[in-house]
Amino acid sequence: MTNPKMTPTKWRIEQSVQTRAGMQADAIVRRLGLSYPIDPLVIAKEERPRLRVGGRDFGERFDGKLRYNSEKRCFGLLYNTKYDAGCRPGTHHPRTRFSIAHELGHYHLEHHHAYLAHGGKSHASINEFRSKTLIEKEADAFAASLLLPTGLVKPIVNSGELSVARLEGIATDFQTSLVSTAIRSVQLSHFPCALVGIRQSAVAWTFPSEALIEAGIYPNKGVLPRNATGPWAEFQTGVADRTQNEGRVRDWFNTYEREDFGQVFVTEEFVPVNSMGTLLVLITMDESDVAPDDEEGDYDDG
């Protein structure tokens, strides 16, 4: 979320669109009775012969592509296997799995499907939360929910406060990338937290938990906070290590309704993802520091 003109209302509208896409993916997982790790190719096979799937090394051309063949009246899903080097036979890298799930999003989301079926031009996708267009964000949201379904991952996420170490464990179990695991986990967390992606010396996107939004704490504009300039400079050298700092809410967020929240301390865990040119920042804070003021009034000693 880097658009300087993004308001809380616009942010909620965009999030609503992505949430609906994720709910559709959740419904597919429930209908098929799948358990983790989810195999997106199993889901694709359910759509035969309307959907044909194939993968090979497409180099830097694209991560995935969905196109419609009007003569055969079927869709073709192509995915890039360039990430699979070193994987066991019959298995795919988390990035490849996400690419397949992303293209399944274009196939299953009705307006995406209808656009291609009625002559719309197919396009090459470079996915996993790297596109700024809403249609790609929808497909990303679908993919993340397909591989990390709400019903399976939410209880795990909320068994405790998030940390990078916990996210790595979830990613291993679900065979997903740390990026998509972290985004999905933050979205499902009951705790006040957020995930920030830094690219090209700016905040490329921010995913907050619902607890932050309920408190009136919204993602900030794309300007890189001063306390993140050091970790970003180190990241640009290509040899950055994971680091942990302390900051304040005001460094990363707007607090339209509660300016006092700007002073709240946050913990920042910086994680370099060199393959995506992204520096991740997991931001967590004490739940009691952003709790509504009227919570104490719910208890009456009399």
Protein backbone atom coordinates (compact mmCIF):
# COMPACT_ATOMS: atom_id res chain seq x y z
CA MET A 1 0.00 0.00 0.00
CA THR A 2 2.17 2.85 -1.25
CA ASN A 3 -0.34 5.22 -2.80
CA PRO A 4 -0.02 8.58 -0.97
CA LYS A 5 -3.69 9.26 -1.75
CA MET A 6 -4.85 6.05 -0.06
CA THR A 7 -7.42 6.84 2.62
CA PRO A 8 -8.81 4.47 5.27
CA THR A 9 -12.00 4.15 3.21
CA LYS A 10 -10.15 3.32 -0.02
CA TRP A 11 -7.93 0.93 1.88
CA ARG A 12 -10.95 -0.91 3.29
CA ILE A 13 -12.57 -1.16 -0.16
CA GLU A 14 -9.42 -2.66 -1.68
CA GLN A 15 -9.01 -5.04 1.25
CA SER A 16 -12.64 -6.12 0.92
CA VAL A 17 -12.05 -7.15 -2.70
CA GLN A 18 -9.02 -9.20 -1.72
CA THR A 19 -10.82 -10.74 1.26
CA ARG A 20 -13.61 -12.00 -1.00
CA ALA A 21 -11.03 -13.60 -3.28
CA GLY A 22 -9.49 -15.34 -0.29
CA MET A 23 -12.89 -16.56 0.90
CA GLN A 24 -13.48 -18.20 -2.48
CA ALA A 25 -10.18 -20.07 -2.16
CA ASP A 26 -11.13 -21.16 1.38
CA ALA A 27 -14.42 -22.53 0.04
CA ILE A 28 -12.59 -24.66 -2.55
CA VAL A 29 -10.32 -26.17 0.11
CA ARG A 30 -13.32 -26.99 2.30
CA ARG A 31 -15.30 -28.47 -0.58
CA LEU A 32 -12.44 -30.78 -1.55
CA GLY A 33 -11.66 -31.67 2.07
CA LEU A 34 -7.94 -30.91 1.68
CA SER A 35 -5.33 -30.87 4.42
CA TYR A 36 -1.96 -29.14 4.42
CA PRO A 37 0.32 -28.87 2.64
CA ILE A 38 -2.15 -28.01 -0.11
CA ASP A 39 -1.19 -29.24 -3.59
CA PRO A 40 -2.49 -26.66 -6.11
CA LEU A 41 -2.08 -29.17 -8.94
CA VAL A 42 -4.63 -31.44 -7.26
CA ILE A 43 -7.08 -28.54 -7.38
CA ALA A 44 -6.23 -27.89 -11.03
CA LYS A 45 -6.94 -31.54 -11.91
CA GLU A 46 -10.48 -31.09 -10.59
CA GLU A 47 -11.11 -28.70 -13.48
CA ARG A 48 -10.21 -31.08 -16.33
CA PRO A 49 -10.91 -30.92 -19.24
CA ARG A 50 -11.82 -27.23 -18.93
CA LEU A 51 -8.33 -26.48 -17.62
CA ARG A 52 -5.04 -27.86 -18.88
CA VAL A 53 -1.83 -27.32 -16.95
CA GLY A 54 1.81 -27.40 -17.96
CA GLY A 55 5.09 -26.20 -16.54
CA ARG A 56 8.66 -25.67 -17.71
CA ASP A 57 11.52 -23.26 -17.23
CA PHE A 58 10.40 -19.98 -18.79
CA GLY A 59 13.41 -18.09 -17.45
CA GLU A 60 12.62 -14.46 -16.74
CA ARG A 61 9.56 -14.30 -19.02
CA PHE A 62 6.92 -14.88 -16.37
CA ASP A 63 6.04 -16.83 -13.23
CA GLY A 64 2.68 -17.92 -14.56
CA LYS A 65 0.15 -17.30 -17.31
CA LEU A 66 -3.48 -18.24 -17.91
CA ARG A 67 -4.90 -18.11 -21.42
CA TYR A 68 -8.09 -19.19 -23.15
CA ASN A 69 -8.18 -21.37 -26.28
CA SER A 70 -11.41 -20.48 -28.06
CA GLU A 71 -11.12 -23.37 -30.54
CA LYS A 72 -10.79 -26.03 -27.85
CA ARG A 73 -12.95 -24.07 -25.40
CA CYS A 74 -10.58 -24.62 -22.53
CA PHE A 75 -8.06 -22.69 -20.46
CA GLY A 76 -4.33 -23.33 -20.41
CA LEU A 77 -2.34 -22.68 -17.24
CA LEU A 78 1.43 -22.30 -17.64
CA TYR A 79 3.82 -22.07 -14.72
CA ASN A 80 7.54 -21.43 -14.50
CA THR A 81 9.65 -24.22 -12.97
CA LYS A 82 12.86 -22.17 -12.80
CA TYR A 83 12.64 -22.12 -8.99
CA ASP A 84 12.47 -25.92 -8.72
CA ALA A 85 16.18 -26.65 -9.10
CA GLY A 86 17.20 -28.83 -6.18
CA CYS A 87 13.66 -29.90 -5.29
CA ARG A 88 12.84 -33.58 -4.91
CA PRO A 89 11.25 -35.18 -8.02
CA GLY A 90 7.51 -34.59 -8.03
CA THR A 91 7.75 -31.59 -5.69
CA HIS A 92 7.84 -27.86 -6.35
CA HIS A 93 9.47 -24.84 -4.74
CA PRO A 94 7.11 -22.63 -2.68
CA ARG A 95 7.44 -19.89 -5.32
CA THR A 96 6.31 -22.34 -8.04
CA ARG A 97 3.41 -23.53 -5.88
CA PHE A 98 2.34 -19.91 -5.39
CA SER A 99 2.53 -19.27 -9.16
CA ILE A 100 0.17 -22.18 -9.83
CA ALA A 101 -2.21 -21.03 -7.09
CA HIS A 102 -2.11 -17.46 -8.42
CA GLU A 103 -3.14 -18.59 -11.91
CA LEU A 104 -5.88 -20.73 -10.37
CA GLY A 105 -7.10 -17.47 -8.89
CA HIS A 106 -7.43 -15.96 -12.35
CA TYR A 107 -9.29 -19.11 -13.41
CA HIS A 108 -11.70 -19.33 -10.47
CA LEU A 109 -12.44 -15.64 -9.89
CA GLU A 110 -15.48 -15.08 -12.06
CA HIS A 111 -14.65 -11.68 -13.55
CA HIS A 112 -11.08 -12.78 -14.35
CA HIS A 113 -12.40 -15.98 -15.95
CA ALA A 114 -15.08 -14.14 -17.96
CA TYR A 115 -12.62 -11.52 -19.22
CA LEU A 116 -10.37 -14.15 -20.79
CA ALA A 117 -13.23 -16.33 -22.05
CA HIS A 118 -14.72 -13.34 -23.89
CA GLY A 119 -11.55 -12.43 -25.74
CA GLY A 120 -9.57 -10.54 -23.14
CA LYS A 121 -5.82 -10.62 -23.59
CA SER A 122 -3.86 -12.93 -21.29
CA HIS A 123 -0.83 -11.47 -19.56
CA ALA A 124 2.30 -12.75 -17.91
CA SER A 125 2.16 -12.70 -14.12
CA ILE A 126 5.07 -11.85 -11.85
CA ASN A 127 3.31 -12.68 -8.65
CA GLU A 128 3.62 -13.10 -4.89
CA PHE A 129 2.66 -9.57 -3.92
CA ARG A 130 4.87 -7.75 -6.39
CA SER A 131 2.16 -6.17 -8.54
CA LYS A 132 0.34 -2.92 -7.82
CA THR A 133 -2.73 -3.70 -9.96
CA LEU A 134 -5.86 -4.79 -8.11
CA ILE A 135 -6.57 -7.75 -10.38
CA GLU A 136 -3.14 -9.19 -9.56
CA LYS A 137 -3.58 -8.44 -5.87
CA GLU A 138 -6.85 -10.38 -5.99
CA ALA A 139 -5.10 -13.39 -7.54
CA ASP A 140 -2.34 -13.11 -4.92
CA ALA A 141 -4.94 -13.06 -2.14
CA PHE A 142 -6.63 -16.12 -3.65
CA ALA A 143 -3.29 -17.95 -3.88
CA ALA A 144 -2.26 -17.16 -0.31
CA SER A 145 -5.61 -18.36 1.03
CA LEU A 146 -5.52 -21.48 -1.12
CA LEU A 147 -2.10 -22.52 0.20
CA LEU A 148 -2.72 -21.21 3.73
CA PRO A 149 -6.46 -21.80 4.25
CA THR A 150 -8.14 -19.91 7.07
CA GLY A 151 -9.59 -22.98 8.75
CA LEU A 152 -6.21 -24.74 8.86
CA VAL A 153 -3.74 -21.96 9.60
CA LYS A 154 -5.71 -19.52 11.79
CA PRO A 155 -5.70 -21.70 14.94
CA ILE A 156 -1.95 -22.20 14.56
CA VAL A 157 -1.29 -18.48 14.05
CA ASN A 158 -3.29 -17.50 17.13
CA SER A 159 -1.71 -20.01 19.47
CA GLY A 160 0.70 -17.22 20.41
CA GLU A 161 2.16 -13.87 19.39
CA LEU A 162 3.90 -13.83 16.03
CA SER A 163 7.65 -13.89 15.56
CA VAL A 164 9.82 -14.61 12.56
CA ALA A 165 10.79 -17.96 14.10
CA ARG A 166 7.12 -18.98 14.36
CA LEU A 167 6.45 -17.84 10.80
CA GLU A 168 9.30 -20.00 9.53
CA GLY A 169 7.78 -23.02 11.24
CA ILE A 170 4.39 -22.38 9.65
CA ALA A 171 6.02 -21.89 6.24
CA THR A 172 7.82 -25.23 6.55
CA ASP A 173 4.63 -27.09 7.50
CA PHE A 174 2.54 -25.55 4.70
CA GLN A 175 5.39 -25.54 2.14
CA THR A 176 4.91 -21.85 1.47
CA SER A 177 7.33 -18.95 1.18
CA LEU A 178 8.13 -16.83 4.18
CA VAL A 179 6.64 -13.81 2.41
CA SER A 180 3.18 -15.26 1.76
CA THR A 181 3.19 -17.05 5.14
CA ALA A 182 3.97 -13.83 6.98
CA ILE A 183 1.33 -11.84 5.10
CA ARG A 184 -1.35 -14.46 5.62
CA SER A 185 -0.46 -14.94 9.29
CA VAL A 186 -0.61 -11.23 10.04
CA GLN A 187 -3.99 -10.99 8.33
CA LEU A 188 -5.35 -13.83 10.49
CA SER A 189 -3.72 -12.79 13.76
CA HIS A 190 -5.81 -11.61 16.71
CA PHE A 191 -2.78 -9.69 17.99
CA PRO A 192 -1.78 -6.13 16.93
CA CYS A 193 0.91 -6.65 14.30
CA ALA A 194 1.79 -5.88 10.69
CA LEU A 195 4.10 -6.93 7.91
CA VAL A 196 5.91 -4.32 5.82
CA GLY A 197 7.72 -4.90 2.53
CA ILE A 198 10.48 -2.43 1.65
CA ARG A 199 11.65 -2.14 -1.96
CA GLN A 200 13.57 0.53 -3.85
CA SER A 201 14.10 2.65 -0.72
CA ALA A 202 10.38 2.90 0.03
CA VAL A 203 7.59 1.01 1.75
CA ALA A 204 6.11 -1.04 -1.09
CA TRP A 205 3.20 -2.49 0.90
CA THR A 206 1.90 -2.97 4.43
CA PHE A 207 -0.42 -5.68 5.69
CA PRO A 208 -1.86 -4.91 9.15
CA SER A 209 -3.80 -7.24 11.42
CA GLU A 210 -7.44 -6.44 12.03
CA ALA A 211 -6.58 -5.54 15.65
CA LEU A 212 -4.57 -2.56 14.36
CA ILE A 213 -7.37 -1.36 12.10
CA GLU A 214 -9.92 -1.69 14.90
CA ALA A 215 -7.66 0.51 17.02
CA GLY A 216 -7.56 3.16 14.27
CA ILE A 217 -3.96 2.43 13.24
CA TYR A 218 -3.58 2.42 9.44
CA PRO A 219 -0.64 1.80 7.07
CA ASN A 220 1.39 4.90 6.31
CA LYS A 221 2.49 6.37 2.99
CA GLY A 222 5.39 4.91 1.06
CA VAL A 223 8.14 6.99 2.69
CA LEU A 224 10.84 4.87 4.34
CA PRO A 225 10.94 5.51 8.11
CA ARG A 226 14.21 6.95 9.37
CA ASN A 227 14.79 4.00 11.71
CA ALA A 228 14.65 1.63 8.70
CA THR A 229 17.27 3.42 6.61
CA GLY A 230 20.15 1.56 8.28
CA PRO A 231 18.74 -1.95 7.72
CA TRP A 232 17.79 -1.00 4.16
CA ALA A 233 21.28 0.32 3.40
CA GLU A 234 22.75 -2.93 4.69
CA PHE A 235 20.23 -4.92 2.63
CA GLN A 236 21.42 -3.17 -0.53
CA THR A 237 24.92 -4.55 0.04
CA GLY A 238 23.51 -8.04 -0.50
CA VAL A 239 24.91 -9.44 2.76
CA ALA A 240 22.36 -8.16 5.27
CA ASP A 241 21.59 -10.27 8.33
CA ARG A 242 18.36 -10.41 10.27
CA THR A 243 18.15 -7.70 12.87
CA GLN A 244 15.73 -6.59 15.55
CA ASN A 245 15.07 -2.99 16.57
CA GLU A 246 12.61 -0.95 18.54
CA GLY A 247 10.53 1.82 17.04
CA ARG A 248 7.22 3.56 17.54
CA VAL A 249 3.84 3.26 15.91
CA ARG A 250 4.22 6.71 14.34
CA ASP A 251 7.25 5.48 12.35
CA TRP A 252 5.12 3.11 10.30
CA PHE A 253 1.46 4.06 10.66
CA ASN A 254 -1.11 6.84 10.60
CA THR A 255 -3.30 7.15 13.70
CA TYR A 256 -6.15 9.30 12.43
CA GLU A 257 -8.43 8.67 15.38
CA ARG A 258 -5.89 8.19 18.19
CA GLU A 259 -2.78 10.30 17.85
CA ASP A 260 -1.58 9.13 21.30
CA PHE A 261 -1.00 5.68 19.83
CA GLY A 262 1.84 7.18 17.82
CA GLN A 263 4.08 6.99 20.88
CA VAL A 264 3.53 3.26 21.46
CA PHE A 265 6.70 1.18 21.22
CA VAL A 266 6.91 -1.56 18.58
CA THR A 267 9.34 -4.39 17.96
CA GLU A 268 10.74 -4.54 14.42
CA GLU A 269 12.19 -7.77 13.03
CA PHE A 270 13.97 -7.13 9.72
CA VAL A 271 14.31 -10.12 7.37
CA PRO A 272 16.10 -9.78 4.00
CA VAL A 273 14.55 -11.66 1.06
CA ASN A 274 17.21 -11.14 -1.57
CA SER A 275 15.49 -13.23 -4.26
CA MET A 276 12.59 -10.76 -4.29
CA GLY A 277 14.60 -7.60 -3.67
CA THR A 278 12.51 -7.09 -0.55
CA LEU A 279 13.31 -6.32 3.06
CA LEU A 280 10.52 -7.67 5.27
CA VAL A 281 9.68 -6.06 8.58
CA LEU A 282 7.49 -7.89 11.09
CA ILE A 283 6.08 -5.28 13.48
CA THR A 284 4.57 -6.37 16.77
CA MET A 285 3.47 -4.49 19.89
CA ASP A 286 1.99 -5.07 23.33
CA GLU A 287 -1.70 -5.80 23.02
CA SER A 288 -2.52 -3.72 26.10
CA ASP A 289 -0.88 -0.62 24.61
CA VAL A 290 -3.49 -0.32 21.86
CA ALA A 291 -6.54 -1.73 23.64
CA PRO A 292 -9.65 0.48 23.62
CA ASP A 293 -9.94 2.76 26.65
CA ASP A 294 -13.37 1.45 27.56
CA GLU A 295 -12.17 -2.10 28.17
CA GLU A 296 -11.50 -1.35 31.84
CA GLY A 297 -15.00 0.01 32.17
CA ASP A 298 -16.42 -3.41 31.40
CA TYR A 299 -15.59 -4.53 34.94
CA ASP A 300 -17.61 -3.33 37.88
CA ASP A 301 -16.49 -4.15 41.42
CA GLY A 302 -19.81 -3.04 42.82
